[in-house]
Amino acid sequence: MRKFIIEDNRLIAPFNEPARDLSILNKPLKIHHADILDEVIGPTEVELPLSTIYDLPHIAPGRDECLVYRDSLYFDLEFLSEFVEQARTSGLPSRAVLPASDAAWMKYAVPLSRLEPVRDMSGAPLHYPLDLWYFPHGYVEPRQWRDVPIFSDYREKGYYNVPDSMSNLKPGGPQGTAQRDLDLTHLLTERSALSIDSWVHVYFANIILGVFSRGSRFEEYLSRHNLFALKVLFRAILEQKQLLSCSKLVQVGEGTIIDPSAVILGPTTIGRGCYIGPGVVIDNCVIGDSVNIAQGCQLMLSVVGNNCFLPFRAALFMTTLMEYTIVAQNTCLQMCVVGRNSFVGAGTTFTDFNLLPTPLRAMSARGGLEDSGQPVLGGCVGHNARVGSGMVIMPARMIESDAILIASPDRRVIAKNISYEESDHHKLRPSVARLHKRRYPRHAESEAAYLEEWE
């Protein structure tokens, strides 16, 4: 089978980088694709990239078996395996679609994205086509494509409870009673796919459809396979550890040092050459290589990239840190995404709950703010950004790549999105300001163009 990639060069805010270069489960999306495709269809030769699907007959005019996908599309092993199996079984030219009847796709894949529905005669959406195709005998015209619906097979699970008076109940039901809305639950999937068009999709791919769904799948597998459950129990007894802390569930890389007082619950993956200090609590996380997590830190349902540093008492909940990032002491990040080579100062808090019952809006694929569909959502920090100590970032706010925020009486609470032009380093004298180089411009300017401003 030949593999063709449609390049998507649009930059994802606030990172100002194509989706293929953003980290998903501690590896760039393009590497994630390569690993999964090697497992599903085997190693393939490097082909010329496509601009659109309609370039395929010009680049590959033969009748070879082909798989084509857009490089900003996230899918996991289970999703791709299901699609390829169905497509190959049919022997027909096929395109993957997300059924509109699947609540998980409607909650995570559709909001903020550029996916356009195919509608029925009444105008109701039937499904949302993905840029993922299979051709058994070379390219054919769109009228010959067969839609292959892929269902997520989701399960609804809660992740924490709050008083009904805060968010679970809203007035306006029959005869003045309250009705349930926006329960703090998630739909955890057996297979996952997203079009990465917003930073919120990066959050979904890493956390909700990533480590959180991985944990759910493990629980379901454990409940259905008694022999595996006995193996886990035997391993825990042999190692004299709590069931969720045994080596069947917690994988640790070579050269990693873990203090005996640390509590690590699986399924968790820890890379090579890490240090886990005393009193650390880690629950269902992916930790990269050469990560330093100092004493008293707490991490739950989070992804930490290679070479990150968390000083004492830092806390991550459902948060993604890309590589070479520092989150200083006493800092709390909930449902956030932080880009590579960034810094978040001590005591800074990212809030995730709107105190007033208004929708949480985030940047969409269309470049404007749209309802994210989430009752709680943290913030996002781009690449090479610096956030000072003691700040409060309101829910769903973005801080653009290369921005610097210095805490002051005038800037303590971040209540709006912050662009690079609003960075505090512009207020400093030029000899100091030029020490901070812009590495991720909003548009694809050449390096000479955006370094010229410092000359």
Protein backbone atom coordinates (compact mmCIF):
# COMPACT_ATOMS: atom_id res chain seq x y z
CA MET A 1 0.00 0.00 0.00
CA ARG A 2 1.20 3.52 -0.82
CA LYS A 3 0.72 6.36 1.68
CA PHE A 4 0.08 9.98 0.66
CA ILE A 5 -0.09 13.01 2.94
CA ILE A 6 -2.06 16.19 2.28
CA GLU A 7 -0.05 19.02 3.84
CA ASP A 8 -2.04 21.53 5.90
CA ASN A 9 0.12 24.62 6.43
CA ARG A 10 -2.39 26.67 8.41
CA LEU A 11 -1.04 27.86 11.75
CA ILE A 12 -2.88 26.90 14.94
CA ALA A 13 -3.34 29.76 17.42
CA PRO A 14 -1.76 30.58 19.82
CA PHE A 15 1.17 28.34 18.86
CA ASN A 16 1.56 29.79 15.34
CA GLU A 17 2.64 26.39 14.11
CA PRO A 18 1.03 23.77 11.82
CA ALA A 19 -0.87 21.02 13.58
CA ARG A 20 1.57 18.34 12.35
CA ASP A 21 4.34 19.85 14.53
CA LEU A 22 2.29 20.07 17.74
CA SER A 23 2.82 17.43 20.42
CA ILE A 24 0.15 14.78 20.86
CA LEU A 25 0.84 12.30 23.67
CA ASN A 26 4.45 13.51 23.83
CA LYS A 27 5.35 13.24 20.15
CA PRO A 28 4.77 15.52 17.15
CA LEU A 29 1.53 14.67 15.35
CA LYS A 30 3.45 13.72 12.18
CA ILE A 31 5.51 11.19 14.15
CA HIS A 32 2.33 9.90 15.80
CA HIS A 33 0.91 9.32 12.30
CA ALA A 34 4.04 7.52 11.11
CA ASP A 35 4.09 5.15 14.10
CA ILE A 36 0.42 4.22 13.73
CA LEU A 37 0.58 3.77 9.96
CA ASP A 38 3.65 1.53 10.25
CA GLU A 39 1.67 -0.68 12.62
CA VAL A 40 -1.52 -0.78 10.54
CA ILE A 41 -0.27 -0.92 6.94
CA GLY A 42 3.45 -1.59 7.40
CA PRO A 43 6.46 0.54 6.38
CA THR A 44 5.92 2.62 3.24
CA GLU A 45 8.14 4.65 0.94
CA VAL A 46 8.21 8.45 1.20
CA GLU A 47 5.88 10.00 -1.39
CA LEU A 48 5.55 13.56 -2.64
CA PRO A 49 3.11 15.57 -0.48
CA LEU A 50 -0.27 16.60 -1.87
CA SER A 51 -1.99 19.98 -1.69
CA THR A 52 -5.46 18.44 -2.14
CA ILE A 53 -6.87 14.99 -2.80
CA TYR A 54 -7.27 15.98 -6.45
CA ASP A 55 -3.46 16.01 -6.87
CA LEU A 56 -3.36 12.25 -6.34
CA PRO A 57 -4.05 11.15 -9.97
CA HIS A 58 -1.22 13.41 -11.19
CA ILE A 59 1.34 12.20 -8.64
CA ALA A 60 0.21 8.54 -8.59
CA PRO A 61 -1.57 7.87 -11.89
CA GLY A 62 -1.36 4.07 -11.56
CA ARG A 63 -3.75 1.58 -9.99
CA ASP A 64 -1.89 0.99 -6.74
CA GLU A 65 -3.60 0.54 -3.38
CA CYS A 66 -3.43 3.96 -1.64
CA LEU A 67 -4.17 5.53 1.73
CA VAL A 68 -4.47 9.34 1.82
CA TYR A 69 -4.87 11.57 4.89
CA ARG A 70 -4.50 15.22 5.88
CA ASP A 71 -1.60 15.80 8.27
CA SER A 72 -3.66 17.96 10.67
CA LEU A 73 -6.06 15.08 11.29
CA TYR A 74 -5.57 13.21 14.56
CA PHE A 75 -6.57 9.56 14.74
CA ASP A 76 -5.49 6.74 17.01
CA LEU A 77 -4.53 3.16 16.23
CA GLU A 78 -8.02 1.84 16.94
CA PHE A 79 -9.70 4.37 14.62
CA LEU A 80 -7.35 3.80 11.69
CA SER A 81 -7.47 0.02 12.09
CA GLU A 82 -11.27 0.07 12.02
CA PHE A 83 -11.36 2.25 8.90
CA VAL A 84 -8.76 0.25 6.97
CA GLU A 85 -10.43 -3.03 7.89
CA GLN A 86 -13.87 -1.86 6.75
CA ALA A 87 -12.51 -0.26 3.57
CA ARG A 88 -10.42 -3.27 2.58
CA THR A 89 -13.29 -5.65 3.29
CA SER A 90 -15.58 -3.69 0.97
CA GLY A 91 -12.92 -3.47 -1.75
CA LEU A 92 -14.37 -0.07 -2.72
CA PRO A 93 -12.92 3.47 -2.75
CA SER A 94 -13.75 4.73 0.74
CA ARG A 95 -13.75 7.87 2.86
CA ALA A 96 -14.02 7.95 6.66
CA VAL A 97 -16.97 9.89 8.09
CA LEU A 98 -18.07 10.72 11.64
CA PRO A 99 -21.78 9.92 12.15
CA ALA A 100 -23.80 12.84 13.51
CA SER A 101 -25.67 10.37 15.73
CA ASP A 102 -22.47 9.72 17.74
CA ALA A 103 -22.53 12.06 20.74
CA ALA A 104 -18.75 11.91 21.29
CA TRP A 105 -18.02 13.23 17.79
CA MET A 106 -20.60 15.98 18.25
CA LYS A 107 -19.07 16.98 21.59
CA TYR A 108 -15.37 16.92 20.69
CA ALA A 109 -14.75 16.67 16.95
CA VAL A 110 -17.33 19.09 15.54
CA PRO A 111 -17.20 22.25 17.77
CA LEU A 112 -14.55 24.80 16.73
CA SER A 113 -13.56 22.67 13.71
CA ARG A 114 -13.86 23.17 9.97
CA LEU A 115 -15.74 19.90 9.45
CA GLU A 116 -18.78 20.41 7.24
CA PRO A 117 -21.78 18.08 7.48
CA VAL A 118 -23.54 16.12 4.77
CA ARG A 119 -27.26 16.76 5.34
CA ASP A 120 -30.43 14.80 4.66
CA MET A 121 -33.49 16.09 2.84
CA SER A 122 -34.74 17.88 5.96
CA GLY A 123 -31.42 19.69 6.47
CA ALA A 124 -30.36 17.66 9.50
CA PRO A 125 -26.68 16.57 9.51
CA LEU A 126 -26.05 12.94 8.61
CA HIS A 127 -22.30 12.74 9.01
CA TYR A 128 -19.07 14.75 8.84
CA PRO A 129 -16.52 13.60 6.21
CA LEU A 130 -12.85 13.40 7.22
CA ASP A 131 -9.84 13.88 4.97
CA LEU A 132 -9.00 10.19 5.18
CA TRP A 133 -9.38 8.00 2.07
CA TYR A 134 -8.67 4.47 0.91
CA PHE A 135 -8.36 3.59 -2.80
CA PRO A 136 -7.95 -0.11 -3.66
CA HIS A 137 -6.96 0.53 -7.29
CA GLY A 138 -5.81 4.15 -7.52
CA TYR A 139 -7.75 7.40 -7.49
CA VAL A 140 -11.38 7.55 -8.64
CA GLU A 141 -13.88 10.42 -8.86
CA PRO A 142 -15.76 11.54 -5.71
CA ARG A 143 -19.08 10.16 -6.94
CA GLN A 144 -17.55 6.68 -6.58
CA TRP A 145 -16.40 7.15 -2.99
CA ARG A 146 -18.14 5.05 -0.35
CA ASP A 147 -18.74 6.65 3.04
CA VAL A 148 -17.43 4.52 5.92
CA PRO A 149 -19.01 5.60 9.22
CA ILE A 150 -16.74 5.08 12.23
CA PHE A 151 -18.43 5.08 15.62
CA SER A 152 -16.56 6.01 18.78
CA ASP A 153 -18.37 3.44 21.00
CA TYR A 154 -18.09 5.95 23.82
CA ARG A 155 -18.90 5.48 27.49
CA GLU A 156 -20.01 8.39 29.67
CA LYS A 157 -17.93 8.77 32.82
CA GLY A 158 -17.66 11.50 35.42
CA TYR A 159 -14.37 12.99 36.47
CA TYR A 160 -15.37 14.99 39.52
CA ASN A 161 -18.53 16.18 41.26
CA VAL A 162 -19.49 19.69 42.24
CA PRO A 163 -22.59 20.94 44.03
CA ASP A 164 -25.65 21.06 41.80
CA SER A 165 -26.09 24.72 42.66
CA MET A 166 -22.86 25.53 40.82
CA SER A 167 -23.13 24.00 37.39
CA ASN A 168 -25.16 20.81 37.11
CA LEU A 169 -28.62 22.33 37.46
CA LYS A 170 -30.13 25.22 35.56
CA PRO A 171 -33.54 26.82 36.13
CA GLY A 172 -36.23 26.90 33.50
CA GLY A 173 -37.57 23.36 33.53
CA PRO A 174 -41.27 22.42 33.60
CA GLN A 175 -43.28 24.35 36.17
CA GLY A 176 -40.25 26.24 37.37
CA THR A 177 -38.19 23.17 38.25
CA ALA A 178 -34.51 22.87 37.45
CA GLN A 179 -33.20 20.74 34.60
CA ARG A 180 -29.85 19.02 34.20
CA ASP A 181 -27.36 20.55 31.80
CA LEU A 182 -23.59 20.44 31.36
CA ASP A 183 -22.93 17.65 33.84
CA LEU A 184 -19.24 17.31 34.61
CA THR A 185 -18.81 14.10 32.64
CA HIS A 186 -16.89 13.11 29.54
CA LEU A 187 -17.59 10.67 26.73
CA LEU A 188 -14.58 8.36 26.68
CA THR A 189 -14.06 6.62 23.36
CA GLU A 190 -12.90 3.22 22.13
CA ARG A 191 -11.48 4.91 19.01
CA SER A 192 -10.69 8.57 18.45
CA ALA A 193 -10.33 11.10 15.63
CA LEU A 194 -10.20 14.91 15.48
CA SER A 195 -9.38 17.62 13.01
CA ILE A 196 -6.80 19.73 14.87
CA ASP A 197 -8.15 23.20 14.08
CA SER A 198 -7.96 24.81 17.55
CA TRP A 199 -5.86 24.55 20.69
CA VAL A 200 -8.93 22.98 22.31
CA HIS A 201 -8.57 20.03 19.91
CA VAL A 202 -4.96 19.61 21.11
CA TYR A 203 -6.38 19.40 24.63
CA PHE A 204 -9.01 16.85 23.56
CA ALA A 205 -6.50 14.69 21.66
CA ASN A 206 -4.05 14.57 24.58
CA ILE A 207 -6.41 14.35 27.52
CA ILE A 208 -10.06 13.42 26.88
CA LEU A 209 -9.48 11.19 23.85
CA GLY A 210 -5.93 10.41 25.00
CA VAL A 211 -4.95 9.48 28.57
CA PHE A 212 -8.51 9.66 29.95
CA SER A 213 -9.92 7.33 27.27
CA ARG A 214 -6.84 5.10 27.62
CA GLY A 215 -7.66 4.63 31.29
CA SER A 216 -11.29 3.88 30.49
CA ARG A 217 -10.30 1.30 27.88
CA PHE A 218 -7.97 -0.34 30.39
CA GLU A 219 -10.76 -0.58 32.98
CA GLU A 220 -13.10 -2.16 30.44
CA TYR A 221 -10.42 -4.62 29.31
CA LEU A 222 -9.62 -5.56 32.91
CA SER A 223 -13.30 -6.21 33.67
CA ARG A 224 -13.76 -8.46 30.62
CA HIS A 225 -10.53 -10.50 30.79
CA ASN A 226 -10.22 -12.46 34.02
CA LEU A 227 -6.86 -13.98 33.09
CA PHE A 228 -5.33 -10.55 32.59
CA ALA A 229 -6.84 -9.39 35.89
CA LEU A 230 -5.22 -12.37 37.64
CA LYS A 231 -1.85 -11.52 36.05
CA VAL A 232 -2.10 -7.95 37.32
CA LEU A 233 -3.06 -9.17 40.80
CA PHE A 234 -0.18 -11.68 40.85
CA ARG A 235 2.31 -9.01 39.76
CA ALA A 236 1.07 -6.63 42.49
CA ILE A 237 1.43 -9.34 45.14
CA LEU A 238 4.89 -10.31 43.88
CA GLU A 239 6.08 -6.68 43.94
CA GLN A 240 4.21 -5.96 47.22
CA LYS A 241 2.55 -2.93 45.71
CA GLN A 242 -0.94 -1.55 45.46
CA LEU A 243 -2.76 -3.02 42.43
CA LEU A 244 -2.69 0.18 40.32
CA SER A 245 1.00 0.78 41.11
CA CYS A 246 2.42 -2.54 39.88
CA SER A 247 4.68 -2.73 36.83
CA LYS A 248 1.86 -4.12 34.67
CA LEU A 249 0.24 -0.69 34.87
CA VAL A 250 3.17 1.66 35.50
CA GLN A 251 5.90 1.51 32.85
CA VAL A 252 9.17 3.21 33.82
CA GLY A 253 12.06 3.96 31.46
CA GLU A 254 15.74 3.19 32.00
CA GLY A 255 17.65 5.41 34.41
CA THR A 256 14.57 6.94 36.06
CA ILE A 257 14.82 7.58 39.81
CA ILE A 258 11.60 7.45 41.86
CA ASP A 259 11.54 8.34 45.54
CA PRO A 260 9.98 5.56 47.66
CA SER A 261 7.38 7.96 49.06
CA ALA A 262 6.00 8.86 45.61
CA VAL A 263 2.59 7.42 44.71
CA ILE A 264 2.17 6.44 41.06
CA LEU A 265 -1.10 4.96 39.81
CA GLY A 266 -1.58 3.43 36.39
CA PRO A 267 -2.00 3.26 33.60
CA THR A 268 1.02 5.59 33.57
CA THR A 269 4.07 5.77 31.32
CA ILE A 270 7.30 7.41 32.55
CA GLY A 271 10.24 7.91 30.18
CA ARG A 272 13.97 7.51 30.58
CA GLY A 273 16.24 9.53 32.85
CA CYS A 274 13.46 11.12 34.92
CA TYR A 275 13.46 12.14 38.57
CA ILE A 276 10.30 11.76 40.67
CA GLY A 277 10.74 13.40 44.08
CA PRO A 278 9.32 12.60 47.54
CA GLY A 279 5.59 12.95 48.07
CA VAL A 280 4.80 13.20 44.35
CA VAL A 281 1.40 11.83 43.27
CA ILE A 282 0.96 10.76 39.63
CA ASP A 283 -2.32 9.27 38.40
CA ASN A 284 -2.90 8.10 34.78
CA CYS A 285 -0.29 10.26 33.05
CA VAL A 286 2.21 10.18 30.21
CA ILE A 287 5.62 11.51 31.32
CA GLY A 288 8.37 12.01 28.74
CA ASP A 289 12.15 11.56 28.98
CA SER A 290 14.43 13.61 31.28
CA VAL A 291 11.53 15.11 33.24
CA ASN A 292 12.22 16.47 36.74
CA ILE A 293 9.20 16.43 39.08
CA ALA A 294 10.18 17.78 42.48
CA GLN A 295 8.72 17.03 45.89
CA GLY A 296 5.01 17.41 46.56
CA CYS A 297 3.89 17.83 42.94
CA GLN A 298 0.54 16.34 41.93
CA LEU A 299 -0.29 15.23 38.38
CA MET A 300 -3.59 13.69 37.30
CA LEU A 301 -4.72 12.79 33.78
CA SER A 302 -1.90 14.85 32.26
CA VAL A 303 0.81 14.68 29.59
CA VAL A 304 4.28 16.07 30.33
CA GLY A 305 6.73 16.40 27.43
CA ASN A 306 10.43 15.64 27.35
CA ASN A 307 12.82 17.75 29.45
CA CYS A 308 10.13 19.53 31.46
CA PHE A 309 10.71 20.70 35.03
CA LEU A 310 8.10 20.96 37.78
CA PRO A 311 9.51 22.42 41.03
CA PHE A 312 7.91 21.60 44.37
CA ARG A 313 4.11 21.60 44.83
CA ALA A 314 3.21 22.31 41.22
CA ALA A 315 -0.14 20.77 40.24
CA LEU A 316 -1.45 19.60 36.86
CA PHE A 317 -4.99 18.34 36.30
CA MET A 318 -5.98 17.23 32.79
CA THR A 319 -3.18 19.38 31.37
CA THR A 320 -0.62 19.05 28.58
CA LEU A 321 2.93 20.43 28.77
CA MET A 322 5.00 20.28 25.61
CA GLU A 323 8.76 19.76 25.77
CA TYR A 324 11.30 22.01 27.60
CA THR A 325 8.63 23.77 29.68
CA ILE A 326 8.89 24.86 33.32
CA VAL A 327 5.90 25.17 35.66
CA ALA A 328 7.14 26.78 38.87
CA GLN A 329 6.24 26.01 42.47
CA ASN A 330 2.70 26.36 43.86
CA THR A 331 1.28 26.75 40.37
CA CYS A 332 -2.03 25.15 39.40
CA LEU A 333 -3.01 24.32 35.82
CA GLN A 334 -6.38 22.72 35.12
CA MET A 335 -7.47 21.58 31.64
CA CYS A 336 -4.71 23.61 29.99
CA VAL A 337 -2.23 23.31 27.14
CA VAL A 338 1.25 24.86 27.39
CA GLY A 339 3.57 24.95 24.38
CA ARG A 340 7.23 24.07 24.20
CA ASN A 341 10.05 26.07 25.82
CA SER A 342 7.61 28.13 27.90
CA PHE A 343 7.64 29.21 31.53
CA VAL A 344 4.78 29.63 34.01
CA GLY A 345 5.77 31.49 37.16
CA ALA A 346 5.26 30.54 40.80
CA GLY A 347 1.77 30.78 42.26
CA THR A 348 0.05 31.36 38.93
CA THR A 349 -3.42 29.82 38.63
CA PHE A 350 -5.31 28.89 35.49
CA THR A 351 -9.01 28.85 36.29
CA ASP A 352 -11.45 26.59 34.44
CA PHE A 353 -14.97 27.48 35.62
CA ASN A 354 -17.08 30.44 34.54
CA LEU A 355 -18.63 32.03 37.62
CA LEU A 356 -21.54 33.25 35.50
CA PRO A 357 -23.63 30.84 33.38
CA THR A 358 -22.25 32.03 30.03
CA PRO A 359 -20.69 29.77 27.35
CA LEU A 360 -16.93 29.29 27.37
CA ARG A 361 -15.76 30.49 23.95
CA ALA A 362 -12.48 29.61 22.27
CA MET A 363 -10.76 30.35 18.96
CA SER A 364 -12.24 28.25 16.16
CA ALA A 365 -10.96 27.17 12.73
CA ARG A 366 -12.72 30.21 11.26
CA GLY A 367 -10.59 32.61 13.29
CA GLY A 368 -13.32 33.84 15.64
CA LEU A 369 -14.52 32.98 19.12
CA GLU A 370 -17.15 30.23 19.26
CA ASP A 371 -18.83 28.20 22.00
CA SER A 372 -16.49 25.37 22.96
CA GLY A 373 -19.36 23.23 24.27
CA GLN A 374 -17.43 22.62 27.50
CA PRO A 375 -18.77 23.53 30.97
CA VAL A 376 -15.18 23.88 32.28
CA LEU A 377 -12.02 24.65 30.32
CA GLY A 378 -8.60 26.02 31.20
CA GLY A 379 -6.29 28.27 29.20
CA CYS A 380 -3.58 27.88 26.59
CA VAL A 381 -0.01 29.22 26.45
CA GLY A 382 1.89 29.15 23.16
CA HIS A 383 5.54 28.30 22.49
CA ASN A 384 8.47 30.29 23.92
CA ALA A 385 6.15 32.30 26.20
CA ARG A 386 6.84 33.59 29.70
CA VAL A 387 4.10 34.08 32.30
CA GLY A 388 5.09 35.85 35.50
CA SER A 389 4.38 34.82 39.08
CA GLY A 390 1.10 35.20 40.92
CA MET A 391 -1.17 35.69 37.93
CA VAL A 392 -4.72 34.47 37.42
CA ILE A 393 -5.74 33.39 33.91
CA MET A 394 -9.46 33.25 33.26
CA PRO A 395 -11.05 30.21 31.54
CA ALA A 396 -10.38 29.53 27.83
CA ARG A 397 -7.96 32.48 27.40
CA MET A 398 -4.94 32.24 25.08
CA ILE A 399 -1.44 33.69 25.48
CA GLU A 400 0.29 33.80 22.11
CA SER A 401 3.71 32.31 21.40
CA ASP A 402 6.69 34.55 22.29
CA ALA A 403 4.60 36.77 24.60
CA ILE A 404 5.94 37.81 28.02
CA LEU A 405 3.55 38.75 30.86
CA ILE A 406 5.07 40.51 33.86
CA ALA A 407 2.93 40.68 36.98
CA SER A 408 2.13 44.24 38.00
CA PRO A 409 -0.72 46.15 39.66
CA ASP A 410 -2.08 46.80 36.17
CA ARG A 411 -1.74 43.23 34.96
CA ARG A 412 -2.58 40.56 37.49
CA VAL A 413 -5.73 38.96 36.06
CA ILE A 414 -5.70 37.86 32.40
CA ALA A 415 -9.30 38.29 31.28
CA LYS A 416 -8.73 38.35 27.50
CA ASN A 417 -6.56 36.70 24.87
CA ILE A 418 -3.03 38.14 24.79
CA SER A 419 -1.26 38.62 21.45
CA TYR A 420 2.46 38.98 20.84
CA GLU A 421 1.99 42.72 20.22
CA GLU A 422 0.67 43.04 23.80
CA SER A 423 3.72 41.35 25.31
CA ASP A 424 5.21 43.28 28.21
CA HIS A 425 8.75 43.04 26.86
CA HIS A 426 7.82 45.67 24.26
CA LYS A 427 7.55 48.17 27.15
CA LEU A 428 11.17 47.68 28.17
CA ARG A 429 14.09 49.60 26.74
CA PRO A 430 15.20 48.21 23.33
CA SER A 431 18.54 46.90 24.58
CA VAL A 432 16.64 44.59 26.99
CA ALA A 433 13.65 43.85 24.75
CA ARG A 434 15.78 42.52 21.91
CA LEU A 435 17.13 39.79 24.21
CA HIS A 436 13.82 37.97 23.74
CA LYS A 437 13.68 36.67 20.17
CA ARG A 438 10.44 35.98 18.36
CA ARG A 439 10.54 32.37 17.15
CA TYR A 440 6.91 31.70 16.19
CA PRO A 441 5.48 34.56 14.11
CA ARG A 442 1.77 34.62 13.46
CA HIS A 443 2.28 34.41 9.73
CA ALA A 444 4.84 32.38 7.81
CA GLU A 445 7.38 35.18 7.43
CA SER A 446 10.96 34.25 6.70
CA GLU A 447 13.46 34.27 9.57
CA ALA A 448 15.13 37.37 8.17
CA ALA A 449 11.83 39.26 8.14
CA TYR A 450 11.01 38.87 11.80
CA LEU A 451 14.60 39.20 13.01
CA GLU A 452 14.91 42.44 11.06
CA GLU A 453 12.81 44.27 13.66
CA TRP A 454 15.68 43.94 16.17
CA GLU A 455 18.36 45.41 13.92
